[in-house]
PDB file of N, CA and C in Angstrom:
ATOM      1  N   MET A   1      89.344  78.850 111.933  1.00  0.00           N
ATOM      2  CA  MET A   1      90.709  79.238 112.212  1.00  0.00           C
ATOM      3  C   MET A   1      90.708  80.085 113.483  1.00  0.00           C
ATOM      4  N   ILE A   2      91.609  79.789 114.386  1.00  0.00           N
ATOM      5  CA  ILE A   2      91.747  80.521 115.642  1.00  0.00           C
ATOM      6  C   ILE A   2      92.931  81.467 115.501  1.00  0.00           C
ATOM      7  N   THR A   3      92.705  82.737 115.849  1.00  0.00           N
ATOM      8  CA  THR A   3      93.758  83.739 115.766  1.00  0.00           C
ATOM      9  C   THR A   3      94.156  84.172 117.166  1.00  0.00           C
ATOM     10  N   ALA A   4      95.448  84.177 117.427  1.00  0.00           N
ATOM     11  CA  ALA A   4      95.972  84.671 118.696  1.00  0.00           C
ATOM     12  C   ALA A   4      96.947  85.800 118.408  1.00  0.00           C
ATOM     13  N   ILE A   5      96.846  86.849 119.216  1.00  0.00           N
ATOM     14  CA  ILE A   5      97.779  87.972 119.150  1.00  0.00           C
ATOM     15  C   ILE A   5      98.728  87.777 120.322  1.00  0.00           C
ATOM     16  N   VAL A   6     100.014  87.616 120.024  1.00  0.00           N
ATOM     17  CA  VAL A   6     100.991  87.318 121.061  1.00  0.00           C
ATOM     18  C   VAL A   6     101.917  88.519 121.235  1.00  0.00           C
ATOM     19  N   LEU A   7     101.858  89.128 122.410  1.00  0.00           N
ATOM     20  CA  LEU A   7     102.731  90.247 122.756  1.00  0.00           C
ATOM     21  C   LEU A   7     103.991  89.652 123.376  1.00  0.00           C
ATOM     22  N   ILE A   8     105.154  90.059 122.879  1.00  0.00           N
ATOM     23  CA  ILE A   8     106.402  89.377 123.245  1.00  0.00           C
ATOM     24  C   ILE A   8     107.441  90.376 123.750  1.00  0.00           C
ATOM     25  N   LYS A   9     108.005  90.076 124.931  1.00  0.00           N
ATOM     26  CA  LYS A   9     109.154  90.826 125.449  1.00  0.00           C
ATOM     27  C   LYS A   9     110.404  90.026 125.101  1.00  0.00           C
ATOM     28  N   THR A  10     111.426  90.741 124.635  1.00  0.00           N
ATOM     29  CA  THR A  10     112.659  90.073 124.205  1.00  0.00           C
ATOM     30  C   THR A  10     113.882  90.785 124.754  1.00  0.00           C
ATOM     31  N   SER A  11     115.029  90.162 124.546  1.00  0.00           N
ATOM     32  CA  SER A  11     116.297  90.845 124.783  1.00  0.00           C
ATOM     33  C   SER A  11     116.390  91.943 123.735  1.00  0.00           C
ATOM     34  N   VAL A  12     116.547  93.170 124.172  1.00  0.00           N
ATOM     35  CA  VAL A  12     116.489  94.314 123.257  1.00  0.00           C
ATOM     36  C   VAL A  12     117.572  94.265 122.181  1.00  0.00           C
ATOM     37  N   ASP A  13     118.713  93.706 122.500  1.00  0.00           N
ATOM     38  CA  ASP A  13     119.814  93.670 121.530  1.00  0.00           C
ATOM     39  C   ASP A  13     119.638  92.593 120.461  1.00  0.00           C
ATOM     40  N   ARG A  14     118.555  91.782 120.554  1.00  0.00           N
ATOM     41  CA  ARG A  14     118.353  90.698 119.586  1.00  0.00           C
ATOM     42  C   ARG A  14     116.990  90.750 118.913  1.00  0.00           C
ATOM     43  N   ILE A  15     116.315  91.882 118.964  1.00  0.00           N
ATOM     44  CA  ILE A  15     114.952  91.968 118.430  1.00  0.00           C
ATOM     45  C   ILE A  15     114.861  91.492 116.974  1.00  0.00           C
ATOM     46  N   PRO A  16     115.689  91.974 116.049  1.00  0.00           N
ATOM     47  CA  PRO A  16     115.546  91.537 114.652  1.00  0.00           C
ATOM     48  C   PRO A  16     115.742  90.026 114.465  1.00  0.00           C
ATOM     49  N   GLU A  17     116.736  89.459 115.142  1.00  0.00           N
ATOM     50  CA  GLU A  17     116.998  88.028 115.004  1.00  0.00           C
ATOM     51  C   GLU A  17     115.851  87.196 115.582  1.00  0.00           C
ATOM     52  N   ILE A  18     115.345  87.618 116.721  1.00  0.00           N
ATOM     53  CA  ILE A  18     114.233  86.903 117.354  1.00  0.00           C
ATOM     54  C   ILE A  18     112.984  87.015 116.487  1.00  0.00           C
ATOM     55  N   ALA A  19     112.722  88.190 115.947  1.00  0.00           N
ATOM     56  CA  ALA A  19     111.557  88.389 115.079  1.00  0.00           C
ATOM     57  C   ALA A  19     111.625  87.473 113.859  1.00  0.00           C
ATOM     58  N   GLU A  20     112.798  87.333 113.273  1.00  0.00           N
ATOM     59  CA  GLU A  20     112.955  86.461 112.110  1.00  0.00           C
ATOM     60  C   GLU A  20     112.725  84.994 112.478  1.00  0.00           C
ATOM     61  N   GLN A  21     113.200  84.577 113.638  1.00  0.00           N
ATOM     62  CA  GLN A  21     112.992  83.190 114.073  1.00  0.00           C
ATOM     63  C   GLN A  21     111.515  82.913 114.323  1.00  0.00           C
ATOM     64  N   ILE A  22     110.828  83.857 114.932  1.00  0.00           N
ATOM     65  CA  ILE A  22     109.399  83.682 115.192  1.00  0.00           C
ATOM     66  C   ILE A  22     108.629  83.660 113.877  1.00  0.00           C
ATOM     67  N   ALA A  23     108.954  84.569 112.969  1.00  0.00           N
ATOM     68  CA  ALA A  23     108.258  84.635 111.679  1.00  0.00           C
ATOM     69  C   ALA A  23     108.432  83.355 110.869  1.00  0.00           C
ATOM     70  N   ALA A  24     109.507  82.638 111.082  1.00  0.00           N
ATOM     71  CA  ALA A  24     109.769  81.405 110.343  1.00  0.00           C
ATOM     72  C   ALA A  24     108.972  80.208 110.867  1.00  0.00           C
ATOM     73  N   LEU A  25     108.337  80.368 112.027  1.00  0.00           N
ATOM     74  CA  LEU A  25     107.575  79.259 112.602  1.00  0.00           C
ATOM     75  C   LEU A  25     106.277  79.033 111.845  1.00  0.00           C
ATOM     76  N   GLU A  26     105.936  77.753 111.681  1.00  0.00           N
ATOM     77  CA  GLU A  26     104.650  77.408 111.100  1.00  0.00           C
ATOM     78  C   GLU A  26     103.555  77.929 112.021  1.00  0.00           C
ATOM     79  N   SER A  27     102.493  78.445 111.469  1.00  0.00           N
ATOM     80  CA  SER A  27     101.331  79.013 112.170  1.00  0.00           C
ATOM     81  C   SER A  27     101.512  80.482 112.538  1.00  0.00           C
ATOM     82  N   VAL A  28     102.708  81.038 112.363  1.00  0.00           N
ATOM     83  CA  VAL A  28     102.909  82.472 112.602  1.00  0.00           C
ATOM     84  C   VAL A  28     102.784  83.173 111.261  1.00  0.00           C
ATOM     85  N   SER A  29     101.785  84.064 111.147  1.00  0.00           N
ATOM     86  CA  SER A  29     101.560  84.722 109.858  1.00  0.00           C
ATOM     87  C   SER A  29     102.296  86.051 109.731  1.00  0.00           C
ATOM     88  N   GLU A  30     102.436  86.785 110.826  1.00  0.00           N
ATOM     89  CA  GLU A  30     103.160  88.060 110.803  1.00  0.00           C
ATOM     90  C   GLU A  30     103.830  88.281 112.144  1.00  0.00           C
ATOM     91  N   VAL A  31     104.910  89.061 112.104  1.00  0.00           N
ATOM     92  CA  VAL A  31     105.567  89.522 113.327  1.00  0.00           C
ATOM     93  C   VAL A  31     105.846  91.004 113.134  1.00  0.00           C
ATOM     94  N   PHE A  32     105.464  91.796 114.123  1.00  0.00           N
ATOM     95  CA  PHE A  32     105.651  93.247 114.068  1.00  0.00           C
ATOM     96  C   PHE A  32     106.614  93.673 115.164  1.00  0.00           C
ATOM     97  N   SER A  33     107.579  94.502 114.831  1.00  0.00           N
ATOM     98  CA  SER A  33     108.429  95.152 115.820  1.00  0.00           C
ATOM     99  C   SER A  33     107.704  96.433 116.209  1.00  0.00           C
ATOM    100  N   VAL A  34     107.481  96.642 117.516  1.00  0.00           N
ATOM    101  CA  VAL A  34     106.634  97.754 117.958  1.00  0.00           C
ATOM    102  C   VAL A  34     107.284  98.551 119.090  1.00  0.00           C
ATOM    103  N   THR A  35     106.719  99.715 119.345  1.00  0.00           N
ATOM    104  CA  THR A  35     107.145 100.513 120.490  1.00  0.00           C
ATOM    105  C   THR A  35     106.245 100.185 121.670  1.00  0.00           C
ATOM    106  N   GLY A  36     106.672 100.569 122.843  1.00  0.00           N
ATOM    107  CA  GLY A  36     105.837 100.370 124.024  1.00  0.00           C
ATOM    108  C   GLY A  36     106.385  99.310 124.953  1.00  0.00           C
ATOM    109  N   THR A  37     105.503  98.732 125.738  1.00  0.00           N
ATOM    110  CA  THR A  37     105.871  97.751 126.757  1.00  0.00           C
ATOM    111  C   THR A  37     106.457  96.481 126.160  1.00  0.00           C
ATOM    112  N   TYR A  38     105.958  96.090 125.000  1.00  0.00           N
ATOM    113  CA  TYR A  38     106.419  94.864 124.341  1.00  0.00           C
ATOM    114  C   TYR A  38     107.309  95.212 123.162  1.00  0.00           C
ATOM    115  N   ASP A  39     108.137  94.256 122.758  1.00  0.00           N
ATOM    116  CA  ASP A  39     109.068  94.475 121.653  1.00  0.00           C
ATOM    117  C   ASP A  39     108.532  93.966 120.321  1.00  0.00           C
ATOM    118  N   LEU A  40     107.774  92.865 120.382  1.00  0.00           N
ATOM    119  CA  LEU A  40     107.240  92.240 119.179  1.00  0.00           C
ATOM    120  C   LEU A  40     105.783  91.854 119.387  1.00  0.00           C
ATOM    121  N   ILE A  41     105.035  91.827 118.285  1.00  0.00           N
ATOM    122  CA  ILE A  41     103.684  91.276 118.290  1.00  0.00           C
ATOM    123  C   ILE A  41     103.631  90.252 117.164  1.00  0.00           C
ATOM    124  N   ALA A  42     103.191  89.038 117.512  1.00  0.00           N
ATOM    125  CA  ALA A  42     103.077  87.975 116.513  1.00  0.00           C
ATOM    126  C   ALA A  42     101.615  87.592 116.342  1.00  0.00           C
ATOM    127  N   MET A  43     101.233  87.352 115.107  1.00  0.00           N
ATOM    128  CA  MET A  43      99.899  86.849 114.793  1.00  0.00           C
ATOM    129  C   MET A  43     100.039  85.351 114.562  1.00  0.00           C
ATOM    130  N   VAL A  44      99.331  84.577 115.363  1.00  0.00           N
ATOM    131  CA  VAL A  44      99.384  83.117 115.270  1.00  0.00           C
ATOM    132  C   VAL A  44      98.006  82.628 114.849  1.00  0.00           C
ATOM    133  N   ARG A  45      97.977  81.790 113.834  1.00  0.00           N
ATOM    134  CA  ARG A  45      96.710  81.236 113.343  1.00  0.00           C
ATOM    135  C   ARG A  45      96.808  79.718 113.326  1.00  0.00           C
ATOM    136  N   VAL A  46      95.883  79.079 114.060  1.00  0.00           N
ATOM    137  CA  VAL A  46      95.869  77.621 114.177  1.00  0.00           C
ATOM    138  C   VAL A  46      94.447  77.104 114.001  1.00  0.00           C
ATOM    139  N   ARG A  47      94.312  75.808 113.805  1.00  0.00           N
ATOM    140  CA  ARG A  47      92.995  75.196 113.621  1.00  0.00           C
ATOM    141  C   ARG A  47      92.321  74.845 114.940  1.00  0.00           C
ATOM    142  N   ARG A  48      93.103  74.476 115.954  1.00  0.00           N
ATOM    143  CA  ARG A  48      92.529  74.040 117.226  1.00  0.00           C
ATOM    144  C   ARG A  48      93.173  74.802 118.382  1.00  0.00           C
ATOM    145  N   HIS A  49      92.426  74.999 119.455  1.00  0.00           N
ATOM    146  CA  HIS A  49      92.979  75.682 120.626  1.00  0.00           C
ATOM    147  C   HIS A  49      94.213  74.961 121.160  1.00  0.00           C
ATOM    148  N   GLU A  50      94.194  73.652 121.105  1.00  0.00           N
ATOM    149  CA  GLU A  50      95.324  72.865 121.601  1.00  0.00           C
ATOM    150  C   GLU A  50      96.618  73.207 120.860  1.00  0.00           C
ATOM    151  N   ASP A  51      96.484  73.600 119.608  1.00  0.00           N
ATOM    152  CA  ASP A  51      97.663  73.952 118.806  1.00  0.00           C
ATOM    153  C   ASP A  51      98.344  75.212 119.318  1.00  0.00           C
ATOM    154  N   LEU A  52      97.593  76.086 119.996  1.00  0.00           N
ATOM    155  CA  LEU A  52      98.202  77.295 120.560  1.00  0.00           C
ATOM    156  C   LEU A  52      99.283  76.936 121.568  1.00  0.00           C
ATOM    157  N   ALA A  53      99.036  75.912 122.368  1.00  0.00           N
ATOM    158  CA  ALA A  53     100.023  75.484 123.366  1.00  0.00           C
ATOM    159  C   ALA A  53     101.300  74.987 122.702  1.00  0.00           C
ATOM    160  N   GLU A  54     101.159  74.346 121.572  1.00  0.00           N
ATOM    161  CA  GLU A  54     102.334  73.857 120.854  1.00  0.00           C
ATOM    162  C   GLU A  54     103.148  75.015 120.276  1.00  0.00           C
ATOM    163  N   VAL A  55     102.457  76.015 119.755  1.00  0.00           N
ATOM    164  CA  VAL A  55     103.150  77.120 119.080  1.00  0.00           C
ATOM    165  C   VAL A  55     103.708  78.149 120.065  1.00  0.00           C
ATOM    166  N   ILE A  56     102.898  78.593 121.018  1.00  0.00           N
ATOM    167  CA  ILE A  56     103.315  79.723 121.858  1.00  0.00           C
ATOM    168  C   ILE A  56     104.276  79.276 122.962  1.00  0.00           C
ATOM    169  N   PRO A  57     103.838  78.530 123.970  1.00  0.00           N
ATOM    170  CA  PRO A  57     104.836  78.113 124.964  1.00  0.00           C
ATOM    171  C   PRO A  57     105.795  77.043 124.429  1.00  0.00           C
ATOM    172  N   GLY A  58     105.336  76.251 123.465  1.00  0.00           N
ATOM    173  CA  GLY A  58     106.156  75.171 122.939  1.00  0.00           C
ATOM    174  C   GLY A  58     107.259  75.590 122.000  1.00  0.00           C
ATOM    175  N   ARG A  59     107.045  76.679 121.269  1.00  0.00           N
ATOM    176  CA  ARG A  59     108.057  77.118 120.287  1.00  0.00           C
ATOM    177  C   ARG A  59     108.511  78.561 120.512  1.00  0.00           C
ATOM    178  N   ILE A  60     107.557  79.510 120.504  1.00  0.00           N
ATOM    179  CA  ILE A  60     107.930  80.928 120.620  1.00  0.00           C
ATOM    180  C   ILE A  60     108.687  81.182 121.919  1.00  0.00           C
ATOM    181  N   SER A  61     108.137  80.726 123.039  1.00  0.00           N
ATOM    182  CA  SER A  61     108.759  81.000 124.341  1.00  0.00           C
ATOM    183  C   SER A  61     110.114  80.339 124.519  1.00  0.00           C
ATOM    184  N   LYS A  62     110.415  79.329 123.718  1.00  0.00           N
ATOM    185  CA  LYS A  62     111.689  78.621 123.836  1.00  0.00           C
ATOM    186  C   LYS A  62     112.796  79.215 122.971  1.00  0.00           C
ATOM    187  N   ILE A  63     112.472  80.223 122.177  1.00  0.00           N
ATOM    188  CA  ILE A  63     113.505  80.872 121.361  1.00  0.00           C
ATOM    189  C   ILE A  63     114.405  81.679 122.294  1.00  0.00           C
ATOM    190  N   PRO A  64     115.721  81.473 122.214  1.00  0.00           N
ATOM    191  CA  PRO A  64     116.632  82.232 123.078  1.00  0.00           C
ATOM    192  C   PRO A  64     116.441  83.736 122.895  1.00  0.00           C
ATOM    193  N   GLY A  65     116.284  84.429 124.013  1.00  0.00           N
ATOM    194  CA  GLY A  65     116.075  85.877 123.990  1.00  0.00           C
ATOM    195  C   GLY A  65     114.633  86.282 124.217  1.00  0.00           C
ATOM    196  N   VAL A  66     113.690  85.343 124.093  1.00  0.00           N
ATOM    197  CA  VAL A  66     112.295  85.644 124.411  1.00  0.00           C
ATOM    198  C   VAL A  66     112.172  85.599 125.931  1.00  0.00           C
ATOM    199  N   GLU A  67     111.770  86.730 126.511  1.00  0.00           N
ATOM    200  CA  GLU A  67     111.708  86.852 127.965  1.00  0.00           C
ATOM    201  C   GLU A  67     110.314  86.638 128.526  1.00  0.00           C
ATOM    202  N   GLY A  68     109.292  86.796 127.697  1.00  0.00           N
ATOM    203  CA  GLY A  68     107.930  86.599 128.172  1.00  0.00           C
ATOM    204  C   GLY A  68     106.924  86.866 127.070  1.00  0.00           C
ATOM    205  N   THR A  69     105.728  86.283 127.238  1.00  0.00           N
ATOM    206  CA  THR A  69     104.657  86.488 126.267  1.00  0.00           C
ATOM    207  C   THR A  69     103.354  86.785 126.991  1.00  0.00           C
ATOM    208  N   ASP A  70     102.466  87.453 126.296  1.00  0.00           N
ATOM    209  CA  ASP A  70     101.112  87.742 126.778  1.00  0.00           C
ATOM    210  C   ASP A  70     100.200  87.478 125.584  1.00  0.00           C
ATOM    211  N   THR A  71      99.345  86.469 125.695  1.00  0.00           N
ATOM    212  CA  THR A  71      98.559  86.011 124.558  1.00  0.00           C
ATOM    213  C   THR A  71      97.105  86.430 124.675  1.00  0.00           C
ATOM    214  N   HIS A  72      96.558  86.914 123.569  1.00  0.00           N
ATOM    215  CA  HIS A  72      95.154  87.304 123.471  1.00  0.00           C
ATOM    216  C   HIS A  72      94.534  86.522 122.320  1.00  0.00           C
ATOM    217  N   VAL A  73      93.463  85.761 122.610  1.00  0.00           N
ATOM    218  CA  VAL A  73      92.791  84.980 121.583  1.00  0.00           C
ATOM    219  C   VAL A  73      91.612  85.792 121.062  1.00  0.00           C
ATOM    220  N   ALA A  74      91.517  85.889 119.750  1.00  0.00           N
ATOM    221  CA  ALA A  74      90.461  86.679 119.113  1.00  0.00           C
ATOM    222  C   ALA A  74      89.145  85.901 119.112  1.00  0.00           C
ATOM    223  N   PHE A  75      88.042  86.601 119.431  1.00  0.00           N
ATOM    224  CA  PHE A  75      86.715  86.005 119.312  1.00  0.00           C
ATOM    225  C   PHE A  75      86.286  85.971 117.858  1.00  0.00           C
ATOM    226  N   ARG A  76      86.513  87.091 117.167  1.00  0.00           N
ATOM    227  CA  ARG A  76      86.189  87.231 115.739  1.00  0.00           C
ATOM    228  C   ARG A  76      87.282  88.051 115.079  1.00  0.00           C
ATOM    229  N   THR A  77      87.368  87.893 113.780  1.00  0.00           N
ATOM    230  CA  THR A  77      88.335  88.673 113.014  1.00  0.00           C
ATOM    231  C   THR A  77      87.583  89.535 112.029  1.00  0.00           C
ATOM    232  N   TYR A  78      87.860  90.828 112.052  1.00  0.00           N
ATOM    233  CA  TYR A  78      87.285  91.775 111.106  1.00  0.00           C
ATOM    234  C   TYR A  78      88.440  92.336 110.292  1.00  0.00           C
ATOM    235  N   SER A  79      88.302  92.312 108.981  1.00  0.00           N
ATOM    236  CA  SER A  79      89.397  92.730 108.120  1.00  0.00           C
ATOM    237  C   SER A  79      88.858  93.468 106.906  1.00  0.00           C
ATOM    238  N   GLN A  80      89.493  94.566 106.553  1.00  0.00           N
ATOM    239  CA  GLN A  80      89.115  95.305 105.350  1.00  0.00           C
ATOM    240  C   GLN A  80      89.286  94.409 104.128  1.00  0.00           C
ATOM    241  N   HIS A  81      90.328  93.593 104.123  1.00  0.00           N
ATOM    242  CA  HIS A  81      90.579  92.671 103.024  1.00  0.00           C
ATOM    243  C   HIS A  81      89.397  91.715 102.858  1.00  0.00           C
ATOM    244  N   ASP A  82      88.892  91.160 103.968  1.00  0.00           N
ATOM    245  CA  ASP A  82      87.757  90.243 103.917  1.00  0.00           C
ATOM    246  C   ASP A  82      86.501  90.939 103.412  1.00  0.00           C
ATOM    247  N   LEU A  83      86.280  92.174 103.845  1.00  0.00           N
ATOM    248  CA  LEU A  83      85.104  92.926 103.406  1.00  0.00           C
ATOM    249  C   LEU A  83      85.155  93.203 101.908  1.00  0.00           C
ATOM    250  N   GLU A  84      86.308  93.599 101.401  1.00  0.00           N
ATOM    251  CA  GLU A  84      86.451  93.874  99.972  1.00  0.00           C
ATOM    252  C   GLU A  84      86.205  92.612  99.150  1.00  0.00           C
ATOM    253  N   ALA A  85      86.698  91.474  99.615  1.00  0.00           N
ATOM    254  CA  ALA A  85      86.511  90.211  98.908  1.00  0.00           C
ATOM    255  C   ALA A  85      85.027  89.824  98.879  1.00  0.00           C
ATOM    256  N   ALA A  86      84.345  90.046  99.995  1.00  0.00           N
ATOM    257  CA  ALA A  86      82.917  89.698 100.066  1.00  0.00           C
ATOM    258  C   ALA A  86      82.090  90.550  99.112  1.00  0.00           C
ATOM    259  N   PHE A  87      82.397  91.834  99.026  1.00  0.00           N
ATOM    260  CA  PHE A  87      81.651  92.711  98.131  1.00  0.00           C
ATOM    261  C   PHE A  87      81.984  92.473  96.675  1.00  0.00           C
ATOM    262  N   ALA A  88      83.133  91.881  96.394  1.00  0.00           N
ATOM    263  CA  ALA A  88      83.557  91.649  95.018  1.00  0.00           C
ATOM    264  C   ALA A  88      82.960  90.358  94.440  1.00  0.00           C
ATOM    265  N   ILE A  89      82.348  89.531  95.268  1.00  0.00           N
ATOM    266  CA  ILE A  89      81.786  88.269  94.781  1.00  0.00           C
ATOM    267  C   ILE A  89      80.709  88.556  93.741  1.00  0.00           C
ATOM    268  N   GLY A  90      80.859  87.948  92.577  1.00  0.00           N
ATOM    269  CA  GLY A  90      79.865  88.089  91.528  1.00  0.00           C
ATOM    270  C   GLY A  90      80.018  89.317  90.657  1.00  0.00           C
ATOM    271  N   LEU A  91      80.970  90.170  90.955  1.00  0.00           N
ATOM    272  CA  LEU A  91      81.188  91.357  90.144  1.00  0.00           C
ATOM    273  C   LEU A  91      82.223  91.070  89.067  1.00  0.00           C
ATOM    274  N   ASP A  92      81.975  91.555  87.883  1.00  0.00           N
ATOM    275  CA  ASP A  92      82.967  91.437  86.806  1.00  0.00           C
ATOM    276  C   ASP A  92      83.941  92.595  86.903  1.00  0.00           C
ATOM    277  N   SER A  93      85.213  92.304  86.699  1.00  0.00           N
ATOM    278  CA  SER A  93      86.238  93.346  86.758  1.00  0.00           C
ATOM    279  C   SER A  93      86.342  94.071  85.452  1.00  0.00           C
TER     280      SER A  93
END
């Protein structure tokens, strides 16, 4: 699974509506409204690199009010959730 972190600039008066539209897209697992240079951060998870082009410029960037994106592709994913699951293998609750 390929994970991309997409930093998104939007029309400020439409942040909640744009966030909901992005969150509804297939391959988008979470959308965060944030402070700073960007308005939203979306987590995109796809099977192939080619799928990123379909999701990010093909869908996210075409939502009215999205003014720009900056995409970062993860080399590896480290998660507390994943670590807890790995340590729980074989343990009785």
